[in-house]
């Protein structure tokens, strides 16, 4: 509750890591025909207007993003045993692409598992 009221916005705060690259972000922006040049970093919220330092948003979009996404398909009703589990890292753009491309594997496994259950 205190954090909600202090006015700080996580994405706008300075990131501790200032050595960032944006190769995946550049590819994604290019795919959608959106300009992604250093001149746009402040407008996009990647650099702070006051000190020109990278923001937490820049860290999330960067190739150095330390956050990961995990997906899993459980193999039992108690959700204890995994049939499939995968962790994705890198730029959030890369994670989203990898998830979209990788989700077909658990989907096929899940279909097979459901088919086995229904035809016992």
PDB file of N, CA and C in Angstrom:
ATOM      1  N   UNK A   1       0.828  -1.194   0.000  1.00  0.00           N
ATOM      2  CA  UNK A   1       0.000   0.000   0.000  1.00  0.00           C
ATOM      3  C   UNK A   1       0.870   1.254   0.000  1.00  0.00           C
ATOM      4  N   UNK A   2       1.955   1.232   0.759  1.00  0.00           N
ATOM      5  CA  UNK A   2       2.853   2.387   0.791  1.00  0.00           C
ATOM      6  C   UNK A   2       3.474   2.587  -0.579  1.00  0.00           C
ATOM      7  N   UNK A   3       3.907   1.471  -1.220  1.00  0.00           N
ATOM      8  CA  UNK A   3       4.524   1.550  -2.545  1.00  0.00           C
ATOM      9  C   UNK A   3       3.548   2.108  -3.571  1.00  0.00           C
ATOM     10  N   UNK A   4       2.259   1.756  -3.448  1.00  0.00           N
ATOM     11  CA  UNK A   4       1.250   2.271  -4.372  1.00  0.00           C
ATOM     12  C   UNK A   4       1.116   3.782  -4.279  1.00  0.00           C
ATOM     13  N   UNK A   5       1.381   4.326  -3.132  1.00  0.00           N
ATOM     14  CA  UNK A   5       1.120   5.750  -2.944  1.00  0.00           C
ATOM     15  C   UNK A   5       2.352   6.637  -3.118  1.00  0.00           C
ATOM     16  N   UNK A   6       3.537   6.046  -3.341  1.00  0.00           N
ATOM     17  CA  UNK A   6       4.725   6.897  -3.420  1.00  0.00           C
ATOM     18  C   UNK A   6       4.934   7.537  -4.787  1.00  0.00           C
ATOM     19  N   UNK A   7       4.167   7.110  -5.795  1.00  0.00           N
ATOM     20  CA  UNK A   7       4.239   7.743  -7.109  1.00  0.00           C
ATOM     21  C   UNK A   7       5.267   7.151  -8.045  1.00  0.00           C
ATOM     22  N   UNK A   8       6.091   6.225  -7.562  1.00  0.00           N
ATOM     23  CA  UNK A   8       7.082   5.599  -8.431  1.00  0.00           C
ATOM     24  C   UNK A   8       6.390   4.647  -9.402  1.00  0.00           C
ATOM     25  N   UNK A   9       6.863   4.649 -10.625  1.00  0.00           N
ATOM     26  CA  UNK A   9       6.374   3.720 -11.643  1.00  0.00           C
ATOM     27  C   UNK A   9       7.556   2.841 -12.024  1.00  0.00           C
ATOM     28  N   UNK A  10       7.429   1.525 -11.820  1.00  0.00           N
ATOM     29  CA  UNK A  10       8.540   0.597 -12.032  1.00  0.00           C
ATOM     30  C   UNK A  10       9.190   0.790 -13.391  1.00  0.00           C
ATOM     31  N   UNK A  11       8.406   0.839 -14.451  1.00  0.00           N
ATOM     32  CA  UNK A  11       8.951   0.916 -15.798  1.00  0.00           C
ATOM     33  C   UNK A  11       9.755   2.183 -16.031  1.00  0.00           C
ATOM     34  N   UNK A  12       9.465   3.249 -15.305  1.00  0.00           N
ATOM     35  CA  UNK A  12      10.159   4.528 -15.501  1.00  0.00           C
ATOM     36  C   UNK A  12      11.412   4.668 -14.639  1.00  0.00           C
ATOM     37  N   UNK A  13      11.580   3.788 -13.668  1.00  0.00           N
ATOM     38  CA  UNK A  13      12.725   3.877 -12.768  1.00  0.00           C
ATOM     39  C   UNK A  13      14.000   3.436 -13.483  1.00  0.00           C
ATOM     40  N   UNK A  14      15.143   3.976 -13.035  1.00  0.00           N
ATOM     41  CA  UNK A  14      16.446   3.655 -13.606  1.00  0.00           C
ATOM     42  C   UNK A  14      16.776   2.196 -13.320  1.00  0.00           C
ATOM     43  N   UNK A  15      17.260   1.481 -14.356  1.00  0.00           N
ATOM     44  CA  UNK A  15      17.702   0.102 -14.167  1.00  0.00           C
ATOM     45  C   UNK A  15      19.157   0.087 -13.725  1.00  0.00           C
ATOM     46  N   UNK A  16      19.509  -0.883 -12.919  1.00  0.00           N
ATOM     47  CA  UNK A  16      20.883  -0.984 -12.424  1.00  0.00           C
ATOM     48  C   UNK A  16      21.863  -1.287 -13.550  1.00  0.00           C
ATOM     49  N   UNK A  17      21.438  -2.060 -14.533  1.00  0.00           N
ATOM     50  CA  UNK A  17      22.294  -2.418 -15.668  1.00  0.00           C
ATOM     51  C   UNK A  17      22.116  -1.381 -16.768  1.00  0.00           C
ATOM     52  N   UNK A  18      23.205  -0.742 -17.136  1.00  0.00           N
ATOM     53  CA  UNK A  18      23.137   0.289 -18.172  1.00  0.00           C
ATOM     54  C   UNK A  18      23.774  -0.159 -19.487  1.00  0.00           C
ATOM     55  N   UNK A  19      24.364  -1.331 -19.507  1.00  0.00           N
ATOM     56  CA  UNK A  19      24.948  -1.890 -20.740  1.00  0.00           C
ATOM     57  C   UNK A  19      23.891  -2.781 -21.392  1.00  0.00           C
ATOM     58  N   UNK A  20      23.060  -2.201 -22.248  1.00  0.00           N
ATOM     59  CA  UNK A  20      21.945  -2.930 -22.854  1.00  0.00           C
ATOM     60  C   UNK A  20      22.048  -2.922 -24.372  1.00  0.00           C
ATOM     61  N   UNK A  21      21.576  -4.006 -24.980  1.00  0.00           N
ATOM     62  CA  UNK A  21      21.455  -4.070 -26.437  1.00  0.00           C
ATOM     63  C   UNK A  21      20.006  -4.412 -26.775  1.00  0.00           C
ATOM     64  N   UNK A  22      19.598  -4.070 -27.990  1.00  0.00           N
ATOM     65  CA  UNK A  22      18.191  -4.200 -28.366  1.00  0.00           C
ATOM     66  C   UNK A  22      18.015  -4.860 -29.735  1.00  0.00           C
ATOM     67  N   UNK A  23      18.798  -5.876 -30.034  1.00  0.00           N
ATOM     68  CA  UNK A  23      18.721  -6.516 -31.344  1.00  0.00           C
ATOM     69  C   UNK A  23      17.346  -7.140 -31.588  1.00  0.00           C
ATOM     70  N   UNK A  24      16.819  -7.855 -30.605  1.00  0.00           N
ATOM     71  CA  UNK A  24      15.502  -8.489 -30.762  1.00  0.00           C
ATOM     72  C   UNK A  24      14.407  -7.431 -30.869  1.00  0.00           C
ATOM     73  N   UNK A  25      14.496  -6.377 -30.086  1.00  0.00           N
ATOM     74  CA  UNK A  25      13.515  -5.293 -30.151  1.00  0.00           C
ATOM     75  C   UNK A  25      13.554  -4.621 -31.524  1.00  0.00           C
ATOM     76  N   UNK A  26      14.760  -4.401 -32.040  1.00  0.00           N
ATOM     77  CA  UNK A  26      14.892  -3.792 -33.368  1.00  0.00           C
ATOM     78  C   UNK A  26      14.210  -4.648 -34.430  1.00  0.00           C
ATOM     79  N   UNK A  27      14.419  -5.974 -34.372  1.00  0.00           N
ATOM     80  CA  UNK A  27      13.780  -6.878 -35.340  1.00  0.00           C
ATOM     81  C   UNK A  27      12.253  -6.818 -35.217  1.00  0.00           C
ATOM     82  N   UNK A  28      11.771  -6.792 -33.988  1.00  0.00           N
ATOM     83  CA  UNK A  28      10.322  -6.774 -33.771  1.00  0.00           C
ATOM     84  C   UNK A  28       9.716  -5.471 -34.251  1.00  0.00           C
ATOM     85  N   UNK A  29      10.323  -4.353 -33.919  1.00  0.00           N
ATOM     86  CA  UNK A  29       9.811  -3.064 -34.366  1.00  0.00           C
ATOM     87  C   UNK A  29       9.846  -2.971 -35.887  1.00  0.00           C
ATOM     88  N   UNK A  30      10.923  -3.486 -36.485  1.00  0.00           N
ATOM     89  CA  UNK A  30      11.040  -3.464 -37.950  1.00  0.00           C
ATOM     90  C   UNK A  30       9.923  -4.293 -38.583  1.00  0.00           C
ATOM     91  N   UNK A  31       9.619  -5.454 -37.984  1.00  0.00           N
ATOM     92  CA  UNK A  31       8.554  -6.326 -38.498  1.00  0.00           C
ATOM     93  C   UNK A  31       7.218  -5.582 -38.566  1.00  0.00           C
ATOM     94  N   UNK A  32       6.987  -4.690 -37.614  1.00  0.00           N
ATOM     95  CA  UNK A  32       5.731  -3.935 -37.569  1.00  0.00           C
ATOM     96  C   UNK A  32       5.878  -2.519 -38.135  1.00  0.00           C
ATOM     97  N   UNK A  33       7.020  -2.287 -38.801  1.00  0.00           N
ATOM     98  CA  UNK A  33       7.283  -1.007 -39.477  1.00  0.00           C
ATOM     99  C   UNK A  33       7.188   0.196 -38.532  1.00  0.00           C
ATOM    100  N   UNK A  34       7.787   0.028 -37.345  1.00  0.00           N
ATOM    101  CA  UNK A  34       7.836   1.104 -36.351  1.00  0.00           C
ATOM    102  C   UNK A  34       9.298   1.492 -36.165  1.00  0.00           C
ATOM    103  N   UNK A  35       9.561   2.791 -36.207  1.00  0.00           N
ATOM    104  CA  UNK A  35      10.924   3.299 -36.052  1.00  0.00           C
ATOM    105  C   UNK A  35      11.442   2.987 -34.649  1.00  0.00           C
ATOM    106  N   UNK A  36      12.618   2.373 -34.593  1.00  0.00           N
ATOM    107  CA  UNK A  36      13.258   2.058 -33.315  1.00  0.00           C
ATOM    108  C   UNK A  36      14.694   2.532 -33.383  1.00  0.00           C
ATOM    109  N   UNK A  37      14.875   3.836 -33.252  1.00  0.00           N
ATOM    110  CA  UNK A  37      16.207   4.422 -33.286  1.00  0.00           C
ATOM    111  C   UNK A  37      16.508   5.035 -31.920  1.00  0.00           C
ATOM    112  N   UNK A  38      17.784   5.272 -31.653  1.00  0.00           N
ATOM    113  CA  UNK A  38      18.175   5.837 -30.354  1.00  0.00           C
ATOM    114  C   UNK A  38      17.510   7.185 -30.115  1.00  0.00           C
ATOM    115  N   UNK A  39      17.199   7.901 -31.184  1.00  0.00           N
ATOM    116  CA  UNK A  39      16.513   9.193 -31.030  1.00  0.00           C
ATOM    117  C   UNK A  39      15.126   9.016 -30.420  1.00  0.00           C
ATOM    118  N   UNK A  40      14.549   7.828 -30.540  1.00  0.00           N
ATOM    119  CA  UNK A  40      13.200   7.545 -30.030  1.00  0.00           C
ATOM    120  C   UNK A  40      13.200   6.944 -28.613  1.00  0.00           C
ATOM    121  N   UNK A  41      14.371   6.639 -28.066  1.00  0.00           N
ATOM    122  CA  UNK A  41      14.441   5.949 -26.783  1.00  0.00           C
ATOM    123  C   UNK A  41      13.715   6.699 -25.659  1.00  0.00           C
ATOM    124  N   UNK A  42      13.858   8.015 -25.616  1.00  0.00           N
ATOM    125  CA  UNK A  42      13.162   8.777 -24.564  1.00  0.00           C
ATOM    126  C   UNK A  42      11.662   8.744 -24.794  1.00  0.00           C
ATOM    127  N   UNK A  43      11.232   8.947 -26.036  1.00  0.00           N
ATOM    128  CA  UNK A  43       9.797   8.932 -26.349  1.00  0.00           C
ATOM    129  C   UNK A  43       9.184   7.557 -26.066  1.00  0.00           C
ATOM    130  N   UNK A  44       9.957   6.493 -26.278  1.00  0.00           N
ATOM    131  CA  UNK A  44       9.469   5.136 -26.027  1.00  0.00           C
ATOM    132  C   UNK A  44       9.554   4.750 -24.549  1.00  0.00           C
ATOM    133  N   UNK A  45      10.192   5.588 -23.747  1.00  0.00           N
ATOM    134  CA  UNK A  45      10.317   5.304 -22.319  1.00  0.00           C
ATOM    135  C   UNK A  45      11.502   4.427 -21.975  1.00  0.00           C
ATOM    136  N   UNK A  46      12.439   4.264 -22.910  1.00  0.00           N
ATOM    137  CA  UNK A  46      13.611   3.426 -22.660  1.00  0.00           C
ATOM    138  C   UNK A  46      14.723   4.169 -21.934  1.00  0.00           C
ATOM    139  N   UNK A  47      14.736   5.470 -22.094  1.00  0.00           N
ATOM    140  CA  UNK A  47      15.705   6.314 -21.378  1.00  0.00           C
ATOM    141  C   UNK A  47      14.930   7.372 -20.602  1.00  0.00           C
ATOM    142  N   UNK A  48      15.474   7.704 -19.437  1.00  0.00           N
ATOM    143  CA  UNK A  48      14.860   8.715 -18.587  1.00  0.00           C
ATOM    144  C   UNK A  48      15.172  10.100 -19.132  1.00  0.00           C
ATOM    145  N   UNK A  49      14.173  10.931 -19.229  1.00  0.00           N
ATOM    146  CA  UNK A  49      14.342  12.278 -19.787  1.00  0.00           C
ATOM    147  C   UNK A  49      15.249  13.153 -18.914  1.00  0.00           C
ATOM    148  N   UNK A  50      15.321  12.872 -17.617  1.00  0.00           N
ATOM    149  CA  UNK A  50      16.084  13.714 -16.688  1.00  0.00           C
ATOM    150  C   UNK A  50      17.573  13.403 -16.670  1.00  0.00           C
ATOM    151  N   UNK A  51      17.955  12.129 -16.774  1.00  0.00           N
ATOM    152  CA  UNK A  51      19.377  11.779 -16.669  1.00  0.00           C
ATOM    153  C   UNK A  51      19.884  10.914 -17.827  1.00  0.00           C
ATOM    154  N   UNK A  52      19.033  10.648 -18.816  1.00  0.00           N
ATOM    155  CA  UNK A  52      19.386   9.883 -20.012  1.00  0.00           C
ATOM    156  C   UNK A  52      19.877   8.465 -19.681  1.00  0.00           C
ATOM    157  N   UNK A  53      19.450   7.913 -18.548  1.00  0.00           N
ATOM    158  CA  UNK A  53      19.800   6.553 -18.153  1.00  0.00           C
ATOM    159  C   UNK A  53      18.698   5.598 -18.605  1.00  0.00           C
ATOM    160  N   UNK A  54      19.095   4.342 -18.857  1.00  0.00           N
ATOM    161  CA  UNK A  54      18.110   3.346 -19.240  1.00  0.00           C
ATOM    162  C   UNK A  54      17.135   3.085 -18.089  1.00  0.00           C
ATOM    163  N   UNK A  55      15.886   2.792 -18.451  1.00  0.00           N
ATOM    164  CA  UNK A  55      14.830   2.518 -17.483  1.00  0.00           C
ATOM    165  C   UNK A  55      14.619   1.006 -17.336  1.00  0.00           C
ATOM    166  N   UNK A  56      13.796   0.627 -16.370  1.00  0.00           N
ATOM    167  CA  UNK A  56      13.437  -0.784 -16.215  1.00  0.00           C
ATOM    168  C   UNK A  56      12.697  -1.300 -17.442  1.00  0.00           C
ATOM    169  N   UNK A  57      11.920  -0.436 -18.097  1.00  0.00           N
ATOM    170  CA  UNK A  57      11.257  -0.844 -19.338  1.00  0.00           C
ATOM    171  C   UNK A  57      12.304  -1.238 -20.376  1.00  0.00           C
ATOM    172  N   UNK A  58      13.377  -0.448 -20.472  1.00  0.00           N
ATOM    173  CA  UNK A  58      14.462  -0.773 -21.405  1.00  0.00           C
ATOM    174  C   UNK A  58      15.061  -2.132 -21.075  1.00  0.00           C
ATOM    175  N   UNK A  59      15.236  -2.415 -19.792  1.00  0.00           N
ATOM    176  CA  UNK A  59      15.788  -3.709 -19.386  1.00  0.00           C
ATOM    177  C   UNK A  59      14.884  -4.858 -19.840  1.00  0.00           C
ATOM    178  N   UNK A  60      13.584  -4.702 -19.685  1.00  0.00           N
ATOM    179  CA  UNK A  60      12.644  -5.754 -20.074  1.00  0.00           C
ATOM    180  C   UNK A  60      12.663  -5.983 -21.589  1.00  0.00           C
ATOM    181  N   UNK A  61      12.786  -4.906 -22.350  1.00  0.00           N
ATOM    182  CA  UNK A  61      12.802  -5.026 -23.813  1.00  0.00           C
ATOM    183  C   UNK A  61      14.169  -5.414 -24.363  1.00  0.00           C
ATOM    184  N   UNK A  62      15.208  -5.278 -23.533  1.00  0.00           N
ATOM    185  CA  UNK A  62      16.574  -5.519 -24.000  1.00  0.00           C
ATOM    186  C   UNK A  62      16.883  -7.009 -24.119  1.00  0.00           C
ATOM    187  N   UNK A  63      17.977  -7.287 -24.814  1.00  0.00           N
ATOM    188  CA  UNK A  63      18.464  -8.658 -24.944  1.00  0.00           C
ATOM    189  C   UNK A  63      18.991  -9.186 -23.604  1.00  0.00           C
ATOM    190  N   UNK A  64      19.257  -8.304 -22.655  1.00  0.00           N
ATOM    191  CA  UNK A  64      19.783  -8.686 -21.351  1.00  0.00           C
ATOM    192  C   UNK A  64      18.690  -8.892 -20.300  1.00  0.00           C
ATOM    193  N   UNK A  65      17.447  -8.894 -20.691  1.00  0.00           N
ATOM    194  CA  UNK A  65      16.337  -9.069 -19.750  1.00  0.00           C
ATOM    195  C   UNK A  65      16.577 -10.307 -18.884  1.00  0.00           C
ATOM    196  N   UNK A  66      16.477 -10.135 -17.565  1.00  0.00           N
ATOM    197  CA  UNK A  66      16.736 -11.241 -16.648  1.00  0.00           C
ATOM    198  C   UNK A  66      15.453 -11.940 -16.207  1.00  0.00           C
ATOM    199  N   UNK A  67      14.302 -11.404 -16.562  1.00  0.00           N
ATOM    200  CA  UNK A  67      13.032 -12.043 -16.233  1.00  0.00           C
ATOM    201  C   UNK A  67      12.796 -13.196 -17.204  1.00  0.00           C
ATOM    202  N   UNK A  68      12.141 -14.239 -16.724  1.00  0.00           N
ATOM    203  CA  UNK A  68      11.837 -15.378 -17.574  1.00  0.00           C
ATOM    204  C   UNK A  68      10.347 -15.700 -17.505  1.00  0.00           C
ATOM    205  N   UNK A  69       9.885 -16.455 -18.476  1.00  0.00           N
ATOM    206  CA  UNK A  69       8.505 -16.931 -18.514  1.00  0.00           C
ATOM    207  C   UNK A  69       8.544 -18.449 -18.509  1.00  0.00           C
ATOM    208  N   UNK A  70       7.681 -19.043 -17.718  1.00  0.00           N
ATOM    209  CA  UNK A  70       7.623 -20.500 -17.637  1.00  0.00           C
ATOM    210  C   UNK A  70       6.236 -20.975 -18.044  1.00  0.00           C
ATOM    211  N   UNK A  71       6.205 -22.063 -18.813  1.00  0.00           N
ATOM    212  CA  UNK A  71       4.931 -22.705 -19.144  1.00  0.00           C
ATOM    213  C   UNK A  71       5.052 -24.180 -18.779  1.00  0.00           C
ATOM    214  N   UNK A  72       3.913 -24.774 -18.425  1.00  0.00           N
ATOM    215  CA  UNK A  72       3.940 -26.182 -18.033  1.00  0.00           C
ATOM    216  C   UNK A  72       2.598 -26.828 -18.309  1.00  0.00           C
ATOM    217  N   UNK A  73       2.654 -28.125 -18.587  1.00  0.00           N
ATOM    218  CA  UNK A  73       1.464 -28.967 -18.678  1.00  0.00           C
ATOM    219  C   UNK A  73       1.624 -30.021 -17.598  1.00  0.00           C
ATOM    220  N   UNK A  74       0.648 -30.087 -16.710  1.00  0.00           N
ATOM    221  CA  UNK A  74       0.716 -31.059 -15.632  1.00  0.00           C
ATOM    222  C   UNK A  74       0.161 -32.395 -16.104  1.00  0.00           C
ATOM    223  N   UNK A  75       0.684 -33.473 -15.530  1.00  0.00           N
ATOM    224  CA  UNK A  75       0.274 -34.799 -15.931  1.00  0.00           C
ATOM    225  C   UNK A  75      -0.654 -35.486 -14.957  1.00  0.00           C
ATOM    226  N   UNK A  76      -1.068 -34.771 -13.921  1.00  0.00           N
ATOM    227  CA  UNK A  76      -1.976 -35.380 -12.958  1.00  0.00           C
ATOM    228  C   UNK A  76      -2.955 -34.327 -12.439  1.00  0.00           C
ATOM    229  N   UNK A  77      -4.019 -34.789 -11.827  1.00  0.00           N
ATOM    230  CA  UNK A  77      -5.062 -33.882 -11.342  1.00  0.00           C
ATOM    231  C   UNK A  77      -4.594 -33.022 -10.181  1.00  0.00           C
ATOM    232  N   UNK A  78      -3.621 -33.496  -9.422  1.00  0.00           N
ATOM    233  CA  UNK A  78      -3.116 -32.735  -8.272  1.00  0.00           C
ATOM    234  C   UNK A  78      -2.116 -31.654  -8.696  1.00  0.00           C
ATOM    235  N   UNK A  79      -1.803 -31.596  -9.982  1.00  0.00           N
ATOM    236  CA  UNK A  79      -0.831 -30.632 -10.520  1.00  0.00           C
ATOM    237  C   UNK A  79       0.523 -30.732  -9.821  1.00  0.00           C
ATOM    238  N   UNK A  80       1.003 -31.965  -9.696  1.00  0.00           N
ATOM    239  CA  UNK A  80       2.301 -32.209  -9.073  1.00  0.00           C
ATOM    240  C   UNK A  80       3.324 -32.662 -10.108  1.00  0.00           C
ATOM    241  N   UNK A  81       2.895 -33.512 -11.030  1.00  0.00           N
ATOM    242  CA  UNK A  81       3.794 -34.097 -12.025  1.00  0.00           C
ATOM    243  C   UNK A  81       3.687 -33.323 -13.334  1.00  0.00           C
ATOM    244  N   UNK A  82       4.845 -32.931 -13.865  1.00  0.00           N
ATOM    245  CA  UNK A  82       4.876 -32.228 -15.142  1.00  0.00           C
ATOM    246  C   UNK A  82       4.950 -33.219 -16.292  1.00  0.00           C
ATOM    247  N   UNK A  83       4.134 -33.003 -17.309  1.00  0.00           N
ATOM    248  CA  UNK A  83       4.281 -33.718 -18.574  1.00  0.00           C
ATOM    249  C   UNK A  83       5.209 -32.922 -19.488  1.00  0.00           C
ATOM    250  N   UNK A  84       5.191 -31.613 -19.312  1.00  0.00           N
ATOM    251  CA  UNK A  84       5.996 -30.721 -20.149  1.00  0.00           C
ATOM    252  C   UNK A  84       6.235 -29.440 -19.365  1.00  0.00           C
ATOM    253  N   UNK A  85       7.465 -28.973 -19.346  1.00  0.00           N
ATOM    254  CA  UNK A  85       7.789 -27.696 -18.702  1.00  0.00           C
ATOM    255  C   UNK A  85       8.918 -27.036 -19.489  1.00  0.00           C
ATOM    256  N   UNK A  86       8.804 -25.751 -19.650  1.00  0.00           N
ATOM    257  CA  UNK A  86       9.808 -25.023 -20.431  1.00  0.00           C
ATOM    258  C   UNK A  86       9.932 -23.614 -19.865  1.00  0.00           C
ATOM    259  N   UNK A  87      11.159 -23.093 -19.855  1.00  0.00           N
ATOM    260  CA  UNK A  87      11.423 -21.736 -19.397  1.00  0.00           C
ATOM    261  C   UNK A  87      12.015 -20.947 -20.558  1.00  0.00           C
ATOM    262  N   UNK A  88      11.550 -19.717 -20.731  1.00  0.00           N
ATOM    263  CA  UNK A  88      11.987 -18.861 -21.836  1.00  0.00           C
ATOM    264  C   UNK A  88      12.663 -17.621 -21.271  1.00  0.00           C
ATOM    265  N   UNK A  89      13.777 -17.221 -21.874  1.00  0.00           N
ATOM    266  CA  UNK A  89      14.509 -16.046 -21.421  1.00  0.00           C
ATOM    267  C   UNK A  89      14.848 -15.124 -22.568  1.00  0.00           C
ATOM    268  N   UNK A  90      15.539 -14.045 -22.229  1.00  0.00           N
ATOM    269  CA  UNK A  90      15.930 -13.049 -23.225  1.00  0.00           C
ATOM    270  C   UNK A  90      14.946 -11.902 -23.257  1.00  0.00           C
ATOM    271  N   UNK A  91      15.036 -11.106 -24.274  1.00  0.00           N
ATOM    272  CA  UNK A  91      14.114  -9.988 -24.457  1.00  0.00           C
ATOM    273  C   UNK A  91      12.672 -10.476 -24.376  1.00  0.00           C
ATOM    274  N   UNK A  92      11.804  -9.661 -23.847  1.00  0.00           N
ATOM    275  CA  UNK A  92      10.390 -10.052 -23.756  1.00  0.00           C
ATOM    276  C   UNK A  92       9.834 -10.365 -25.140  1.00  0.00           C
ATOM    277  N   UNK A  93      10.338  -9.704 -26.169  1.00  0.00           N
ATOM    278  CA  UNK A  93       9.901  -9.993 -27.537  1.00  0.00           C
ATOM    279  C   UNK A  93      10.304 -11.416 -27.930  1.00  0.00           C
ATOM    280  N   UNK A  94      11.527 -11.807 -27.598  1.00  0.00           N
ATOM    281  CA  UNK A  94      12.005 -13.158 -27.887  1.00  0.00           C
ATOM    282  C   UNK A  94      11.189 -14.175 -27.097  1.00  0.00           C
ATOM    283  N   UNK A  95      10.924 -13.877 -25.836  1.00  0.00           N
ATOM    284  CA  UNK A  95      10.135 -14.797 -25.018  1.00  0.00           C
ATOM    285  C   UNK A  95       8.754 -15.027 -25.630  1.00  0.00           C
ATOM    286  N   UNK A  96       8.114 -13.962 -26.060  1.00  0.00           N
ATOM    287  CA  UNK A  96       6.781 -14.104 -26.651  1.00  0.00           C
ATOM    288  C   UNK A  96       6.824 -14.926 -27.932  1.00  0.00           C
ATOM    289  N   UNK A  97       7.819 -14.686 -28.776  1.00  0.00           N
ATOM    290  CA  UNK A  97       7.960 -15.481 -30.002  1.00  0.00           C
ATOM    291  C   UNK A  97       8.237 -16.948 -29.676  1.00  0.00           C
ATOM    292  N   UNK A  98       9.149 -17.175 -28.717  1.00  0.00           N
ATOM    293  CA  UNK A  98       9.492 -18.546 -28.339  1.00  0.00           C
ATOM    294  C   UNK A  98       8.296 -19.272 -27.737  1.00  0.00           C
ATOM    295  N   UNK A  99       7.507 -18.565 -26.941  1.00  0.00           N
ATOM    296  CA  UNK A  99       6.310 -19.177 -26.350  1.00  0.00           C
ATOM    297  C   UNK A  99       5.325 -19.546 -27.448  1.00  0.00           C
ATOM    298  N   UNK A 100       5.088 -18.611 -28.353  1.00  0.00           N
ATOM    299  CA  UNK A 100       4.149 -18.884 -29.449  1.00  0.00           C
ATOM    300  C   UNK A 100       4.615 -20.074 -30.279  1.00  0.00           C
ATOM    301  N   UNK A 101       5.908 -20.138 -30.557  1.00  0.00           N
ATOM    302  CA  UNK A 101       6.441 -21.241 -31.348  1.00  0.00           C
ATOM    303  C   UNK A 101       6.541 -22.533 -30.532  1.00  0.00           C
ATOM    304  N   UNK A 102       6.806 -22.418 -29.258  1.00  0.00           N
ATOM    305  CA  UNK A 102       6.995 -23.592 -28.417  1.00  0.00           C
ATOM    306  C   UNK A 102       5.726 -24.161 -27.841  1.00  0.00           C
ATOM    307  N   UNK A 103       4.646 -23.408 -27.895  1.00  0.00           N
ATOM    308  CA  UNK A 103       3.399 -23.871 -27.277  1.00  0.00           C
ATOM    309  C   UNK A 103       2.795 -25.037 -28.044  1.00  0.00           C
ATOM    310  N   UNK A 104       3.162 -25.220 -29.304  1.00  0.00           N
ATOM    311  CA  UNK A 104       2.602 -26.332 -30.070  1.00  0.00           C
ATOM    312  C   UNK A 104       3.049 -27.679 -29.506  1.00  0.00           C
ATOM    313  N   UNK A 105       4.250 -27.741 -28.956  1.00  0.00           N
ATOM    314  CA  UNK A 105       4.715 -29.010 -28.398  1.00  0.00           C
ATOM    315  C   UNK A 105       3.859 -29.444 -27.210  1.00  0.00           C
ATOM    316  N   UNK A 106       3.645 -28.587 -26.185  1.00  0.00           N
ATOM    317  CA  UNK A 106       2.776 -29.045 -25.094  1.00  0.00           C
ATOM    318  C   UNK A 106       1.334 -29.233 -25.543  1.00  0.00           C
ATOM    319  N   UNK A 107       0.889 -28.442 -26.520  1.00  0.00           N
ATOM    320  CA  UNK A 107      -0.482 -28.589 -27.015  1.00  0.00           C
ATOM    321  C   UNK A 107      -0.656 -29.976 -27.628  1.00  0.00           C
ATOM    322  N   UNK A 108       0.324 -30.421 -28.417  1.00  0.00           N
ATOM    323  CA  UNK A 108       0.258 -31.755 -29.010  1.00  0.00           C
ATOM    324  C   UNK A 108       0.343 -32.834 -27.934  1.00  0.00           C
ATOM    325  N   UNK A 109       1.197 -32.611 -26.931  1.00  0.00           N
ATOM    326  CA  UNK A 109       1.290 -33.575 -25.836  1.00  0.00           C
ATOM    327  C   UNK A 109      -0.012 -33.625 -25.054  1.00  0.00           C
ATOM    328  N   UNK A 110      -0.608 -32.462 -24.844  1.00  0.00           N
ATOM    329  CA  UNK A 110      -1.873 -32.398 -24.105  1.00  0.00           C
ATOM    330  C   UNK A 110      -2.971 -33.102 -24.893  1.00  0.00           C
ATOM    331  N   UNK A 111      -3.024 -32.901 -26.211  1.00  0.00           N
ATOM    332  CA  UNK A 111      -4.017 -33.589 -27.039  1.00  0.00           C
ATOM    333  C   UNK A 111      -3.851 -35.103 -26.928  1.00  0.00           C
ATOM    334  N   UNK A 112      -2.609 -35.556 -26.988  1.00  0.00           N
ATOM    335  CA  UNK A 112      -2.334 -36.985 -26.877  1.00  0.00           C
ATOM    336  C   UNK A 112      -2.781 -37.500 -25.512  1.00  0.00           C
ATOM    337  N   UNK A 113      -2.470 -36.765 -24.463  1.00  0.00           N
ATOM    338  CA  UNK A 113      -2.842 -37.144 -23.103  1.00  0.00           C
ATOM    339  C   UNK A 113      -4.364 -37.205 -22.950  1.00  0.00           C
ATOM    340  N   UNK A 114      -5.067 -36.198 -23.480  1.00  0.00           N
ATOM    341  CA  UNK A 114      -6.534 -36.188 -23.400  1.00  0.00           C
ATOM    342  C   UNK A 114      -7.123 -37.334 -24.213  1.00  0.00           C
ATOM    343  N   UNK A 115      -6.543 -37.634 -25.380  1.00  0.00           N
ATOM    344  CA  UNK A 115      -7.019 -38.736 -26.207  1.00  0.00           C
ATOM    345  C   UNK A 115      -6.900 -40.061 -25.435  1.00  0.00           C
ATOM    346  N   UNK A 116      -5.770 -40.231 -24.756  1.00  0.00           N
ATOM    347  CA  UNK A 116      -5.561 -41.446 -23.961  1.00  0.00           C
ATOM    348  C   UNK A 116      -6.583 -41.530 -22.836  1.00  0.00           C
ATOM    349  N   UNK A 117      -6.868 -40.434 -22.191  1.00  0.00           N
ATOM    350  CA  UNK A 117      -7.839 -40.431 -21.098  1.00  0.00           C
ATOM    351  C   UNK A 117      -9.232 -40.772 -21.591  1.00  0.00           C
ATOM    352  N   UNK A 118      -9.611 -40.209 -22.737  1.00  0.00           N
ATOM    353  CA  UNK A 118     -10.954 -40.385 -23.255  1.00  0.00           C
ATOM    354  C   UNK A 118     -11.170 -41.779 -23.848  1.00  0.00           C
ATOM    355  N   UNK A 119     -10.105 -42.451 -24.250  1.00  0.00           N
ATOM    356  CA  UNK A 119     -10.249 -43.730 -24.927  1.00  0.00           C
ATOM    357  C   UNK A 119      -9.704 -44.896 -24.107  1.00  0.00           C
ATOM    358  N   UNK A 120      -9.778 -44.799 -22.812  1.00  0.00           N
ATOM    359  CA  UNK A 120      -9.356 -45.903 -21.936  1.00  0.00           C
ATOM    360  C   UNK A 120     -10.441 -46.937 -21.863  1.00  0.00           C
TER     361      UNK A 120
END
